[in-house]
Amino acid sequence: MNKFHASASVEPLGSAAISDGFDGTTKTRLVKDFVAPILLGGIIAGTLDVAAASLLNSAQPTRILQAIASGLLGKSAFDGGSTTVGLGLALQWLMSIIIASIFVGAAQWRPVLRRHWVKAGMAYGVVIYVVMNYVVLPLSAIGHAPRFRVVHFMEDLVAMMIFGLIVAFFARERPNR
């Protein structure tokens, strides 16, 4: 075994080297440690979030997706038909993947988030709730945070904690790593 191969095969856990090793392990680790948890966590959590919003608001999922698109287009999103439904889905998945990317990156930087993924996911859900309702919504075309109602607050908070749990589940520490 030459000196280069020995040094290339010894990487600290959680490191994210970009170059490919002789046996393709770096690309495999990159997909396993970053890409898969981000895409799976983001898309699954984002899709279930739309379903939860639909149930909580007694609205069709298409209406929820148009409401998401209204963050970019304003009230005209509700008149856009399938085009704004598709835009809402794309925006939902984009935001969900970004949210998952932040957690997965933080979990690589702070492995305690992977070890205690349930607590970390629930706490992250609270952060997601605050950022989405008090930063993103006021900056969107909607222009304001939702009106505060205790029951609605609790339902949305629990939904975001579940969102955070799903993202953390896919980023969690696994014994076979």
N, C-alpha and C. Protein backbone atom coordinates (compact mmCIF):
# COMPACT_ATOMS: atom_id res chain seq x y z
N MET A 1 0.86 -1.17 0.00
CA MET A 1 0.00 0.00 0.00
C MET A 1 0.90 1.23 0.00
N ASN A 2 0.67 2.14 -0.95
CA ASN A 2 1.53 3.31 -1.00
C ASN A 2 1.06 4.37 -0.01
N LYS A 3 1.92 5.34 0.22
CA LYS A 3 1.64 6.37 1.21
C LYS A 3 0.40 7.19 0.86
N PHE A 4 0.20 7.51 -0.42
CA PHE A 4 -0.97 8.30 -0.84
C PHE A 4 -2.26 7.55 -0.57
N HIS A 5 -2.30 6.28 -0.92
CA HIS A 5 -3.52 5.50 -0.72
C HIS A 5 -3.86 5.38 0.76
N ALA A 6 -2.87 5.23 1.60
CA ALA A 6 -3.12 5.12 3.03
C ALA A 6 -3.69 6.42 3.57
N SER A 7 -3.15 7.56 3.15
CA SER A 7 -3.67 8.82 3.66
C SER A 7 -5.05 9.14 3.08
N ALA A 8 -5.33 8.70 1.86
CA ALA A 8 -6.62 8.97 1.25
C ALA A 8 -7.74 8.15 1.89
N SER A 9 -7.39 7.01 2.45
CA SER A 9 -8.43 6.15 3.00
C SER A 9 -8.74 6.44 4.46
N VAL A 10 -7.93 7.30 5.10
CA VAL A 10 -8.17 7.62 6.51
C VAL A 10 -8.75 9.02 6.59
N GLU A 11 -10.07 9.10 6.69
CA GLU A 11 -10.75 10.38 6.83
C GLU A 11 -11.51 10.38 8.13
N PRO A 12 -11.51 11.49 8.84
CA PRO A 12 -12.31 11.55 10.06
C PRO A 12 -13.79 11.44 9.75
N LEU A 13 -14.53 10.80 10.65
CA LEU A 13 -15.97 10.65 10.49
C LEU A 13 -16.62 12.03 10.40
N GLY A 14 -17.51 12.17 9.43
CA GLY A 14 -18.21 13.45 9.28
C GLY A 14 -17.50 14.41 8.35
N SER A 15 -16.29 14.05 7.87
CA SER A 15 -15.62 14.95 6.93
C SER A 15 -16.29 14.81 5.58
N ALA A 16 -16.17 15.81 4.78
CA ALA A 16 -16.85 15.81 3.50
C ALA A 16 -15.89 16.12 2.38
N ALA A 17 -14.99 15.18 2.10
CA ALA A 17 -14.05 15.37 1.01
C ALA A 17 -14.80 15.27 -0.31
N ILE A 18 -14.39 16.06 -1.28
CA ILE A 18 -15.07 16.08 -2.56
C ILE A 18 -14.41 15.14 -3.56
N SER A 19 -13.08 15.01 -3.50
CA SER A 19 -12.40 14.17 -4.47
C SER A 19 -12.71 12.70 -4.21
N ASP A 20 -12.69 11.92 -5.27
CA ASP A 20 -13.02 10.51 -5.18
C ASP A 20 -11.77 9.70 -4.88
N GLY A 21 -11.87 8.79 -3.94
CA GLY A 21 -10.77 7.89 -3.61
C GLY A 21 -10.63 6.82 -4.68
N PHE A 22 -9.66 5.93 -4.51
CA PHE A 22 -9.42 4.88 -5.48
C PHE A 22 -10.60 3.93 -5.59
N ASP A 23 -11.31 3.71 -4.52
CA ASP A 23 -12.40 2.73 -4.52
C ASP A 23 -13.79 3.37 -4.58
N GLY A 24 -13.89 4.67 -4.78
CA GLY A 24 -15.19 5.33 -4.90
C GLY A 24 -15.89 5.57 -3.58
N THR A 25 -15.19 5.37 -2.45
CA THR A 25 -15.85 5.50 -1.15
C THR A 25 -16.23 6.94 -0.82
N THR A 26 -15.47 7.91 -1.30
CA THR A 26 -15.78 9.30 -0.97
C THR A 26 -17.11 9.71 -1.60
N LYS A 27 -17.33 9.35 -2.85
CA LYS A 27 -18.62 9.67 -3.50
C LYS A 27 -19.75 8.95 -2.78
N THR A 28 -19.52 7.72 -2.41
CA THR A 28 -20.55 6.96 -1.70
C THR A 28 -20.87 7.62 -0.37
N ARG A 29 -19.85 8.05 0.37
CA ARG A 29 -20.06 8.73 1.65
C ARG A 29 -20.77 10.06 1.46
N LEU A 30 -20.42 10.77 0.41
CA LEU A 30 -21.06 12.06 0.14
C LEU A 30 -22.56 11.87 -0.09
N VAL A 31 -22.91 10.86 -0.88
CA VAL A 31 -24.32 10.58 -1.13
C VAL A 31 -25.00 10.10 0.15
N LYS A 32 -24.36 9.17 0.86
CA LYS A 32 -24.95 8.59 2.07
C LYS A 32 -25.06 9.61 3.20
N ASP A 33 -24.07 10.45 3.37
CA ASP A 33 -24.04 11.40 4.49
C ASP A 33 -24.76 12.71 4.21
N PHE A 34 -24.86 13.10 2.95
CA PHE A 34 -25.43 14.41 2.64
C PHE A 34 -26.63 14.35 1.69
N VAL A 35 -26.42 13.85 0.49
CA VAL A 35 -27.44 13.93 -0.55
C VAL A 35 -28.70 13.16 -0.17
N ALA A 36 -28.55 11.91 0.23
CA ALA A 36 -29.73 11.10 0.56
C ALA A 36 -30.52 11.67 1.74
N PRO A 37 -29.87 12.02 2.86
CA PRO A 37 -30.66 12.59 3.97
C PRO A 37 -31.34 13.91 3.61
N ILE A 38 -30.66 14.73 2.82
CA ILE A 38 -31.24 16.02 2.43
C ILE A 38 -32.46 15.81 1.54
N LEU A 39 -32.32 15.00 0.50
CA LEU A 39 -33.44 14.81 -0.42
C LEU A 39 -34.58 14.03 0.21
N LEU A 40 -34.26 12.93 0.89
CA LEU A 40 -35.32 12.14 1.53
C LEU A 40 -36.01 12.93 2.64
N GLY A 41 -35.22 13.52 3.52
CA GLY A 41 -35.81 14.30 4.61
C GLY A 41 -36.60 15.48 4.10
N GLY A 42 -36.05 16.20 3.14
CA GLY A 42 -36.72 17.39 2.61
C GLY A 42 -38.00 17.07 1.87
N ILE A 43 -37.94 16.12 0.95
CA ILE A 43 -39.12 15.83 0.13
C ILE A 43 -40.21 15.13 0.94
N ILE A 44 -39.83 14.18 1.78
CA ILE A 44 -40.84 13.48 2.59
C ILE A 44 -41.46 14.43 3.60
N ALA A 45 -40.64 15.18 4.32
CA ALA A 45 -41.18 16.14 5.30
C ALA A 45 -42.02 17.21 4.61
N GLY A 46 -41.57 17.69 3.47
CA GLY A 46 -42.31 18.72 2.74
C GLY A 46 -43.66 18.22 2.24
N THR A 47 -43.69 17.00 1.75
CA THR A 47 -44.93 16.42 1.26
C THR A 47 -45.91 16.19 2.41
N LEU A 48 -45.41 15.63 3.51
CA LEU A 48 -46.28 15.41 4.67
C LEU A 48 -46.73 16.72 5.29
N ASP A 49 -45.92 17.76 5.17
CA ASP A 49 -46.31 19.08 5.66
C ASP A 49 -47.52 19.61 4.90
N VAL A 50 -47.55 19.41 3.59
CA VAL A 50 -48.70 19.82 2.79
C VAL A 50 -49.94 19.03 3.22
N ALA A 51 -49.77 17.73 3.44
CA ALA A 51 -50.90 16.90 3.90
C ALA A 51 -51.40 17.37 5.26
N ALA A 52 -50.48 17.66 6.17
CA ALA A 52 -50.87 18.14 7.50
C ALA A 52 -51.60 19.48 7.40
N ALA A 53 -51.08 20.39 6.58
CA ALA A 53 -51.74 21.69 6.41
C ALA A 53 -53.13 21.52 5.82
N SER A 54 -53.26 20.58 4.92
CA SER A 54 -54.56 20.30 4.32
C SER A 54 -55.55 19.81 5.38
N LEU A 55 -55.11 18.90 6.23
CA LEU A 55 -55.98 18.39 7.30
C LEU A 55 -56.31 19.47 8.33
N LEU A 56 -55.29 20.19 8.77
CA LEU A 56 -55.48 21.21 9.81
C LEU A 56 -56.38 22.36 9.36
N ASN A 57 -56.32 22.66 8.08
CA ASN A 57 -57.10 23.79 7.55
C ASN A 57 -58.35 23.36 6.80
N SER A 58 -58.64 22.06 6.80
CA SER A 58 -59.80 21.52 6.07
C SER A 58 -59.84 22.05 4.64
N ALA A 59 -58.71 21.96 3.97
CA ALA A 59 -58.59 22.47 2.60
C ALA A 59 -57.97 21.41 1.71
N GLN A 60 -58.26 21.48 0.44
CA GLN A 60 -57.65 20.57 -0.53
C GLN A 60 -56.14 20.84 -0.62
N PRO A 61 -55.34 19.80 -0.84
CA PRO A 61 -53.90 20.02 -1.00
C PRO A 61 -53.57 21.02 -2.12
N THR A 62 -54.39 21.04 -3.17
CA THR A 62 -54.14 22.00 -4.25
C THR A 62 -54.27 23.43 -3.74
N ARG A 63 -55.22 23.67 -2.86
CA ARG A 63 -55.41 25.01 -2.28
C ARG A 63 -54.22 25.38 -1.39
N ILE A 64 -53.70 24.40 -0.65
CA ILE A 64 -52.53 24.64 0.20
C ILE A 64 -51.33 25.00 -0.68
N LEU A 65 -51.17 24.28 -1.79
CA LEU A 65 -50.04 24.56 -2.69
C LEU A 65 -50.19 25.93 -3.35
N GLN A 66 -51.41 26.32 -3.66
CA GLN A 66 -51.62 27.67 -4.19
C GLN A 66 -51.33 28.72 -3.11
N ALA A 67 -51.65 28.41 -1.87
CA ALA A 67 -51.31 29.33 -0.77
C ALA A 67 -49.80 29.49 -0.65
N ILE A 68 -49.07 28.41 -0.86
CA ILE A 68 -47.60 28.49 -0.84
C ILE A 68 -47.12 29.36 -2.00
N ALA A 69 -47.69 29.16 -3.18
CA ALA A 69 -47.32 29.97 -4.35
C ALA A 69 -47.67 31.44 -4.13
N SER A 70 -48.70 31.70 -3.31
CA SER A 70 -49.08 33.09 -3.06
C SER A 70 -48.00 33.85 -2.29
N GLY A 71 -47.10 33.14 -1.67
CA GLY A 71 -45.98 33.80 -1.02
C GLY A 71 -45.07 34.49 -2.02
N LEU A 72 -45.09 34.01 -3.25
CA LEU A 72 -44.30 34.60 -4.33
C LEU A 72 -45.16 35.48 -5.23
N LEU A 73 -46.39 35.04 -5.51
CA LEU A 73 -47.24 35.72 -6.48
C LEU A 73 -48.32 36.61 -5.89
N GLY A 74 -48.57 36.48 -4.60
CA GLY A 74 -49.67 37.21 -3.99
C GLY A 74 -50.99 36.49 -4.23
N LYS A 75 -52.09 37.22 -4.09
CA LYS A 75 -53.43 36.63 -4.18
C LYS A 75 -53.73 36.04 -5.56
N SER A 76 -53.04 36.49 -6.58
CA SER A 76 -53.30 35.97 -7.93
C SER A 76 -52.97 34.48 -8.05
N ALA A 77 -52.21 33.94 -7.12
CA ALA A 77 -51.87 32.51 -7.15
C ALA A 77 -53.11 31.64 -7.07
N PHE A 78 -54.16 32.12 -6.42
CA PHE A 78 -55.38 31.33 -6.26
C PHE A 78 -56.20 31.25 -7.55
N ASP A 79 -55.85 32.08 -8.53
CA ASP A 79 -56.53 32.06 -9.83
C ASP A 79 -55.71 31.36 -10.90
N GLY A 80 -54.56 30.83 -10.53
CA GLY A 80 -53.62 30.29 -11.52
C GLY A 80 -53.81 28.85 -11.90
N GLY A 81 -54.73 28.14 -11.27
CA GLY A 81 -54.97 26.74 -11.63
C GLY A 81 -53.78 25.84 -11.37
N SER A 82 -53.61 24.87 -12.26
CA SER A 82 -52.56 23.86 -12.06
C SER A 82 -51.15 24.44 -12.13
N THR A 83 -51.01 25.56 -12.82
CA THR A 83 -49.68 26.19 -12.91
C THR A 83 -49.21 26.64 -11.53
N THR A 84 -50.08 27.29 -10.78
CA THR A 84 -49.67 27.76 -9.45
C THR A 84 -49.64 26.61 -8.44
N VAL A 85 -50.42 25.55 -8.68
CA VAL A 85 -50.31 24.35 -7.84
C VAL A 85 -48.91 23.76 -8.01
N GLY A 86 -48.47 23.63 -9.26
CA GLY A 86 -47.12 23.12 -9.54
C GLY A 86 -46.03 24.01 -8.96
N LEU A 87 -46.22 25.32 -9.09
CA LEU A 87 -45.26 26.26 -8.52
C LEU A 87 -45.22 26.11 -7.00
N GLY A 88 -46.38 25.97 -6.38
CA GLY A 88 -46.43 25.78 -4.92
C GLY A 88 -45.71 24.53 -4.49
N LEU A 89 -45.89 23.44 -5.24
CA LEU A 89 -45.19 22.19 -4.91
C LEU A 89 -43.68 22.36 -5.07
N ALA A 90 -43.26 23.00 -6.15
CA ALA A 90 -41.83 23.23 -6.36
C ALA A 90 -41.25 24.10 -5.24
N LEU A 91 -41.97 25.15 -4.87
CA LEU A 91 -41.50 26.02 -3.78
C LEU A 91 -41.47 25.27 -2.45
N GLN A 92 -42.48 24.45 -2.18
CA GLN A 92 -42.53 23.68 -0.95
C GLN A 92 -41.33 22.74 -0.86
N TRP A 93 -41.07 22.00 -1.93
CA TRP A 93 -39.94 21.08 -1.93
C TRP A 93 -38.61 21.82 -1.87
N LEU A 94 -38.51 22.95 -2.55
CA LEU A 94 -37.27 23.74 -2.49
C LEU A 94 -37.00 24.21 -1.06
N MET A 95 -38.02 24.77 -0.42
CA MET A 95 -37.84 25.23 0.97
C MET A 95 -37.53 24.06 1.89
N SER A 96 -38.20 22.93 1.67
CA SER A 96 -37.98 21.76 2.52
C SER A 96 -36.58 21.21 2.36
N ILE A 97 -36.09 21.20 1.14
CA ILE A 97 -34.72 20.72 0.89
C ILE A 97 -33.71 21.68 1.50
N ILE A 98 -33.95 22.97 1.42
CA ILE A 98 -33.06 23.94 2.06
C ILE A 98 -33.06 23.74 3.57
N ILE A 99 -34.25 23.56 4.16
CA ILE A 99 -34.36 23.34 5.60
C ILE A 99 -33.62 22.06 5.99
N ALA A 100 -33.79 21.00 5.21
CA ALA A 100 -33.09 19.74 5.48
C ALA A 100 -31.58 19.91 5.33
N SER A 101 -31.16 20.68 4.33
CA SER A 101 -29.72 20.92 4.11
C SER A 101 -29.07 21.59 5.32
N ILE A 102 -29.78 22.54 5.89
CA ILE A 102 -29.25 23.24 7.06
C ILE A 102 -29.06 22.27 8.21
N PHE A 103 -30.06 21.43 8.46
CA PHE A 103 -29.93 20.48 9.57
C PHE A 103 -28.85 19.44 9.30
N VAL A 104 -28.82 18.87 8.10
CA VAL A 104 -27.83 17.85 7.77
C VAL A 104 -26.41 18.44 7.87
N GLY A 105 -26.23 19.66 7.38
CA GLY A 105 -24.92 20.31 7.51
C GLY A 105 -24.55 20.54 8.96
N ALA A 106 -25.49 21.00 9.75
CA ALA A 106 -25.24 21.22 11.18
C ALA A 106 -24.94 19.90 11.89
N ALA A 107 -25.64 18.83 11.49
CA ALA A 107 -25.42 17.52 12.12
C ALA A 107 -24.05 16.95 11.76
N GLN A 108 -23.52 17.30 10.60
CA GLN A 108 -22.17 16.86 10.25
C GLN A 108 -21.14 17.65 11.06
N TRP A 109 -21.45 18.90 11.32
CA TRP A 109 -20.57 19.77 12.09
C TRP A 109 -20.65 19.46 13.58
N ARG A 110 -21.84 19.17 14.08
CA ARG A 110 -22.09 18.84 15.48
C ARG A 110 -22.74 17.45 15.56
N PRO A 111 -21.94 16.39 15.66
CA PRO A 111 -22.47 15.03 15.67
C PRO A 111 -23.49 14.74 16.78
N VAL A 112 -23.50 15.55 17.83
CA VAL A 112 -24.49 15.36 18.90
C VAL A 112 -25.91 15.46 18.34
N LEU A 113 -26.11 16.22 17.29
CA LEU A 113 -27.42 16.34 16.66
C LEU A 113 -27.86 15.01 16.03
N ARG A 114 -26.89 14.23 15.55
CA ARG A 114 -27.21 12.91 14.98
C ARG A 114 -27.46 11.89 16.08
N ARG A 115 -26.70 11.98 17.16
CA ARG A 115 -26.86 11.01 18.26
C ARG A 115 -28.18 11.22 19.00
N HIS A 116 -28.56 12.47 19.21
CA HIS A 116 -29.80 12.80 19.93
C HIS A 116 -30.80 13.39 18.94
N TRP A 117 -31.06 12.64 17.89
CA TRP A 117 -31.83 13.16 16.77
C TRP A 117 -33.28 13.49 17.12
N VAL A 118 -33.88 12.80 18.08
CA VAL A 118 -35.27 13.09 18.43
C VAL A 118 -35.36 14.48 19.08
N LYS A 119 -34.53 14.73 20.08
CA LYS A 119 -34.53 16.04 20.73
C LYS A 119 -34.12 17.14 19.75
N ALA A 120 -33.08 16.85 18.97
CA ALA A 120 -32.59 17.84 18.00
C ALA A 120 -33.65 18.14 16.94
N GLY A 121 -34.33 17.11 16.47
CA GLY A 121 -35.37 17.31 15.45
C GLY A 121 -36.54 18.12 15.97
N MET A 122 -36.96 17.83 17.19
CA MET A 122 -38.07 18.60 17.77
C MET A 122 -37.68 20.06 17.99
N ALA A 123 -36.46 20.27 18.49
CA ALA A 123 -35.98 21.64 18.69
C ALA A 123 -35.86 22.37 17.35
N TYR A 124 -35.39 21.66 16.33
CA TYR A 124 -35.27 22.25 15.01
C TYR A 124 -36.64 22.61 14.46
N GLY A 125 -37.65 21.79 14.76
CA GLY A 125 -39.01 22.10 14.34
C GLY A 125 -39.50 23.41 14.92
N VAL A 126 -39.14 23.69 16.16
CA VAL A 126 -39.53 24.96 16.78
C VAL A 126 -38.84 26.12 16.04
N VAL A 127 -37.57 25.93 15.71
CA VAL A 127 -36.84 26.95 14.97
C VAL A 127 -37.49 27.17 13.59
N ILE A 128 -37.84 26.07 12.92
CA ILE A 128 -38.50 26.17 11.61
C ILE A 128 -39.80 26.97 11.74
N TYR A 129 -40.60 26.67 12.77
CA TYR A 129 -41.86 27.38 12.98
C TYR A 129 -41.62 28.88 13.11
N VAL A 130 -40.69 29.26 13.96
CA VAL A 130 -40.43 30.68 14.21
C VAL A 130 -39.94 31.37 12.94
N VAL A 131 -38.99 30.76 12.25
CA VAL A 131 -38.43 31.38 11.04
C VAL A 131 -39.50 31.51 9.95
N MET A 132 -40.26 30.45 9.73
CA MET A 132 -41.26 30.49 8.66
C MET A 132 -42.37 31.51 8.97
N ASN A 133 -42.83 31.55 10.21
CA ASN A 133 -43.96 32.42 10.54
C ASN A 133 -43.59 33.86 10.82
N TYR A 134 -42.38 34.10 11.31
CA TYR A 134 -42.04 35.46 11.73
C TYR A 134 -40.91 36.09 10.93
N VAL A 135 -40.37 35.34 9.94
CA VAL A 135 -39.38 35.91 9.03
C VAL A 135 -39.84 35.74 7.58
N VAL A 136 -40.06 34.50 7.16
CA VAL A 136 -40.39 34.22 5.76
C VAL A 136 -41.75 34.81 5.37
N LEU A 137 -42.79 34.50 6.12
CA LEU A 137 -44.12 35.02 5.77
C LEU A 137 -44.18 36.55 5.71
N PRO A 138 -43.65 37.26 6.70
CA PRO A 138 -43.69 38.74 6.59
C PRO A 138 -42.91 39.28 5.39
N LEU A 139 -41.87 38.57 4.96
CA LEU A 139 -41.09 39.03 3.81
C LEU A 139 -41.69 38.60 2.47
N SER A 140 -42.69 37.72 2.50
CA SER A 140 -43.29 37.20 1.27
C SER A 140 -44.32 38.20 0.72
N ALA A 141 -44.92 37.83 -0.40
CA ALA A 141 -45.98 38.66 -1.00
C ALA A 141 -47.21 38.70 -0.11
N ILE A 142 -47.34 37.74 0.80
CA ILE A 142 -48.45 37.75 1.76
C ILE A 142 -48.25 38.93 2.72
N GLY A 143 -47.02 39.12 3.16
CA GLY A 143 -46.63 40.30 3.90
C GLY A 143 -46.94 40.37 5.38
N HIS A 144 -47.41 39.31 5.97
CA HIS A 144 -47.69 39.37 7.41
C HIS A 144 -47.64 37.97 8.01
N ALA A 145 -47.38 37.93 9.30
CA ALA A 145 -47.44 36.67 10.04
C ALA A 145 -48.90 36.30 10.24
N PRO A 146 -49.18 35.02 10.41
CA PRO A 146 -50.58 34.64 10.64
C PRO A 146 -51.10 35.21 11.95
N ARG A 147 -52.41 35.42 11.99
CA ARG A 147 -53.03 35.90 13.22
C ARG A 147 -52.86 34.84 14.30
N PHE A 148 -52.50 35.26 15.49
CA PHE A 148 -52.23 34.31 16.58
C PHE A 148 -53.53 33.80 17.19
N ARG A 149 -53.67 32.49 17.16
CA ARG A 149 -54.75 31.79 17.86
C ARG A 149 -54.08 30.59 18.53
N VAL A 150 -54.38 30.35 19.78
CA VAL A 150 -53.69 29.33 20.57
C VAL A 150 -53.77 27.96 19.90
N VAL A 151 -54.96 27.55 19.50
CA VAL A 151 -55.12 26.22 18.90
C VAL A 151 -54.34 26.12 17.60
N HIS A 152 -54.44 27.14 16.76
CA HIS A 152 -53.72 27.15 15.49
C HIS A 152 -52.20 27.14 15.73
N PHE A 153 -51.76 27.92 16.70
CA PHE A 153 -50.34 27.96 17.06
C PHE A 153 -49.86 26.57 17.46
N MET A 154 -50.61 25.89 18.33
CA MET A 154 -50.21 24.56 18.81
C MET A 154 -50.19 23.55 17.66
N GLU A 155 -51.20 23.58 16.81
CA GLU A 155 -51.24 22.65 15.68
C GLU A 155 -50.05 22.86 14.74
N ASP A 156 -49.79 24.11 14.42
CA ASP A 156 -48.67 24.42 13.52
C ASP A 156 -47.33 24.08 14.16
N LEU A 157 -47.20 24.35 15.44
CA LEU A 157 -45.95 24.04 16.14
C LEU A 157 -45.70 22.54 16.15
N VAL A 158 -46.71 21.76 16.46
CA VAL A 158 -46.56 20.30 16.45
C VAL A 158 -46.23 19.81 15.05
N ALA A 159 -46.88 20.36 14.03
CA ALA A 159 -46.60 19.96 12.65
C ALA A 159 -45.14 20.25 12.29
N MET A 160 -44.61 21.39 12.72
CA MET A 160 -43.21 21.72 12.43
C MET A 160 -42.25 20.86 13.25
N MET A 161 -42.63 20.48 14.45
CA MET A 161 -41.79 19.57 15.24
C MET A 161 -41.72 18.21 14.56
N ILE A 162 -42.81 17.75 13.98
CA ILE A 162 -42.81 16.50 13.23
C ILE A 162 -41.95 16.66 11.98
N PHE A 163 -42.05 17.80 11.32
CA PHE A 163 -41.20 18.10 10.16
C PHE A 163 -39.73 17.96 10.56
N GLY A 164 -39.36 18.60 11.68
CA GLY A 164 -37.98 18.53 12.16
C GLY A 164 -37.57 17.11 12.51
N LEU A 165 -38.48 16.34 13.09
CA LEU A 165 -38.19 14.94 13.42
C LEU A 165 -37.91 14.12 12.16
N ILE A 166 -38.69 14.35 11.11
CA ILE A 166 -38.49 13.61 9.86
C ILE A 166 -37.11 13.93 9.28
N VAL A 167 -36.77 15.20 9.24
CA VAL A 167 -35.46 15.60 8.72
C VAL A 167 -34.35 14.99 9.58
N ALA A 168 -34.48 15.07 10.90
CA ALA A 168 -33.46 14.52 11.81
C ALA A 168 -33.37 13.01 11.70
N PHE A 169 -34.49 12.34 11.46
CA PHE A 169 -34.49 10.89 11.30
C PHE A 169 -33.57 10.48 10.15
N PHE A 170 -33.65 11.17 9.04
CA PHE A 170 -32.82 10.81 7.89
C PHE A 170 -31.36 11.21 8.09
N ALA A 171 -31.08 12.15 8.98
CA ALA A 171 -29.70 12.58 9.24
C ALA A 171 -29.10 11.86 10.45
N ARG A 172 -29.87 11.03 11.13
CA ARG A 172 -29.45 10.43 12.40
C ARG A 172 -28.21 9.55 12.24
N GLU A 173 -27.58 9.31 13.39
CA GLU A 173 -26.41 8.42 13.43
C GLU A 173 -26.91 7.00 13.34
N ARG A 174 -26.28 6.23 12.47
CA ARG A 174 -26.64 4.83 12.29
C ARG A 174 -25.48 3.97 12.73
N PRO A 175 -25.74 2.84 13.35
CA PRO A 175 -24.65 1.98 13.83
C PRO A 175 -23.71 1.51 12.74
N ASN A 176 -24.19 1.36 11.49
CA ASN A 176 -23.33 0.83 10.42
C ASN A 176 -22.51 1.89 9.71
N ARG A 177 -22.47 3.11 10.25
CA ARG A 177 -21.68 4.17 9.61
C ARG A 177 -20.22 4.01 9.94
